[in-house]
C-alpha atoms as a PDB file:
ATOM      1  CA  UNK A   1       0.000   0.000   0.000  1.00  0.00           C
ATOM      2  CA  UNK A   2       1.461   3.326  -1.056  1.00  0.00           C
ATOM      3  CA  UNK A   3       1.052   6.216   1.311  1.00  0.00           C
ATOM      4  CA  UNK A   4       1.233   9.852   0.271  1.00  0.00           C
ATOM      5  CA  UNK A   5       0.894   9.297  -3.464  1.00  0.00           C
ATOM      6  CA  UNK A   6      -2.365   8.662  -5.227  1.00  0.00           C
ATOM      7  CA  UNK A   7      -2.028   6.335  -8.171  1.00  0.00           C
ATOM      8  CA  UNK A   8      -4.156   7.213 -11.172  1.00  0.00           C
ATOM      9  CA  UNK A   9      -6.234   4.520 -12.735  1.00  0.00           C
ATOM     10  CA  UNK A  10      -5.522   3.404 -16.288  1.00  0.00           C
ATOM     11  CA  UNK A  11      -8.818   4.912 -17.465  1.00  0.00           C
ATOM     12  CA  UNK A  12      -7.848   8.302 -15.998  1.00  0.00           C
ATOM     13  CA  UNK A  13      -4.445   8.149 -17.660  1.00  0.00           C
ATOM     14  CA  UNK A  14      -5.990   7.200 -20.991  1.00  0.00           C
ATOM     15  CA  UNK A  15      -8.416  10.118 -20.686  1.00  0.00           C
ATOM     16  CA  UNK A  16      -5.585  12.540 -19.976  1.00  0.00           C
ATOM     17  CA  UNK A  17      -3.628  11.224 -22.954  1.00  0.00           C
ATOM     18  CA  UNK A  18      -6.681  11.564 -25.197  1.00  0.00           C
ATOM     19  CA  UNK A  19      -7.296  15.130 -24.025  1.00  0.00           C
ATOM     20  CA  UNK A  20      -3.660  16.068 -24.583  1.00  0.00           C
ATOM     21  CA  UNK A  21      -3.626  14.451 -28.021  1.00  0.00           C
ATOM     22  CA  UNK A  22      -6.752  16.338 -29.082  1.00  0.00           C
ATOM     23  CA  UNK A  23      -5.377  19.615 -27.731  1.00  0.00           C
ATOM     24  CA  UNK A  24      -1.976  19.314 -29.411  1.00  0.00           C
ATOM     25  CA  UNK A  25      -3.476  18.135 -32.696  1.00  0.00           C
ATOM     26  CA  UNK A  26      -5.970  20.994 -32.767  1.00  0.00           C
ATOM     27  CA  UNK A  27      -3.315  23.604 -32.015  1.00  0.00           C
ATOM     28  CA  UNK A  28      -1.083  22.223 -34.761  1.00  0.00           C
ATOM     29  CA  UNK A  29      -3.963  22.314 -37.248  1.00  0.00           C
ATOM     30  CA  UNK A  30      -4.843  25.888 -36.191  1.00  0.00           C
ATOM     31  CA  UNK A  31      -1.223  26.886 -36.739  1.00  0.00           C
ATOM     32  CA  UNK A  32      -0.974  25.157 -40.114  1.00  0.00           C
ATOM     33  CA  UNK A  33      -4.361  26.027 -41.609  1.00  0.00           C
ATOM     34  CA  UNK A  34      -5.768  28.870 -39.545  1.00  0.00           C
ATOM     35  CA  UNK A  35      -8.423  28.586 -36.850  1.00  0.00           C
ATOM     36  CA  UNK A  36     -11.369  29.305 -39.151  1.00  0.00           C
ATOM     37  CA  UNK A  37     -10.232  26.681 -41.669  1.00  0.00           C
ATOM     38  CA  UNK A  38     -10.217  23.774 -39.205  1.00  0.00           C
ATOM     39  CA  UNK A  39     -13.298  21.732 -38.322  1.00  0.00           C
ATOM     40  CA  UNK A  40     -13.996  19.546 -35.311  1.00  0.00           C
ATOM     41  CA  UNK A  41     -14.206  16.609 -37.707  1.00  0.00           C
ATOM     42  CA  UNK A  42     -10.643  17.301 -38.897  1.00  0.00           C
ATOM     43  CA  UNK A  43      -9.372  17.542 -35.323  1.00  0.00           C
ATOM     44  CA  UNK A  44     -11.077  14.269 -34.389  1.00  0.00           C
ATOM     45  CA  UNK A  45      -9.723  12.448 -37.439  1.00  0.00           C
ATOM     46  CA  UNK A  46      -6.167  13.782 -37.096  1.00  0.00           C
ATOM     47  CA  UNK A  47      -6.051  12.982 -33.369  1.00  0.00           C
ATOM     48  CA  UNK A  48      -7.430   9.447 -33.841  1.00  0.00           C
ATOM     49  CA  UNK A  49     -10.209  10.151 -31.373  1.00  0.00           C
ATOM     50  CA  UNK A  50     -13.973  10.443 -31.529  1.00  0.00           C
ATOM     51  CA  UNK A  51     -16.447  13.301 -31.452  1.00  0.00           C
ATOM     52  CA  UNK A  52     -17.640  11.974 -28.120  1.00  0.00           C
ATOM     53  CA  UNK A  53     -14.124  12.261 -26.701  1.00  0.00           C
ATOM     54  CA  UNK A  54     -13.695  15.708 -28.218  1.00  0.00           C
ATOM     55  CA  UNK A  55     -16.881  17.038 -26.647  1.00  0.00           C
ATOM     56  CA  UNK A  56     -16.212  15.260 -23.345  1.00  0.00           C
ATOM     57  CA  UNK A  57     -12.911  17.110 -22.951  1.00  0.00           C
ATOM     58  CA  UNK A  58     -13.720  20.353 -24.801  1.00  0.00           C
ATOM     59  CA  UNK A  59     -17.071  22.037 -25.292  1.00  0.00           C
ATOM     60  CA  UNK A  60     -16.090  23.479 -28.649  1.00  0.00           C
ATOM     61  CA  UNK A  61     -13.225  24.383 -30.935  1.00  0.00           C
ATOM     62  CA  UNK A  62     -13.182  27.771 -29.213  1.00  0.00           C
ATOM     63  CA  UNK A  63     -12.585  26.163 -25.810  1.00  0.00           C
ATOM     64  CA  UNK A  64      -9.329  24.657 -27.117  1.00  0.00           C
ATOM     65  CA  UNK A  65      -8.154  28.117 -28.080  1.00  0.00           C
ATOM     66  CA  UNK A  66      -9.154  29.473 -24.669  1.00  0.00           C
ATOM     67  CA  UNK A  67      -7.263  26.637 -22.972  1.00  0.00           C
ATOM     68  CA  UNK A  68      -4.076  27.660 -24.755  1.00  0.00           C
ATOM     69  CA  UNK A  69      -4.741  31.306 -23.932  1.00  0.00           C
ATOM     70  CA  UNK A  70      -5.137  30.493 -20.221  1.00  0.00           C
ATOM     71  CA  UNK A  71      -1.858  28.547 -20.289  1.00  0.00           C
ATOM     72  CA  UNK A  72      -0.144  31.505 -21.925  1.00  0.00           C
ATOM     73  CA  UNK A  73      -1.512  33.958 -19.349  1.00  0.00           C
ATOM     74  CA  UNK A  74      -0.509  31.676 -16.453  1.00  0.00           C
ATOM     75  CA  UNK A  75       2.990  31.239 -17.881  1.00  0.00           C
ATOM     76  CA  UNK A  76       3.467  34.977 -18.334  1.00  0.00           C
ATOM     77  CA  UNK A  77       2.121  35.820 -14.867  1.00  0.00           C
ATOM     78  CA  UNK A  78       4.654  33.385 -13.342  1.00  0.00           C
ATOM     79  CA  UNK A  79       7.453  35.410 -14.968  1.00  0.00           C
ATOM     80  CA  UNK A  80       6.344  38.578 -13.173  1.00  0.00           C
ATOM     81  CA  UNK A  81       6.575  37.152  -9.642  1.00  0.00           C
END
């Protein structure tokens, strides 16, 4: 029995990997083709996931962009401390 460290279940790890894969794939597609020229279907296909997984992790294409924006803001605010 491990004390002090919570082990994640395989399903949780798989979900995190799926979310990360969708996020990175979408950002790459946005960079390559432009945000307005990318569809959810393209993101799903390129990330080898499903629409169900996409909408489970992200409410919309816009929410992926906002996720990256929040990361950017958090990173830059850490620099000012």
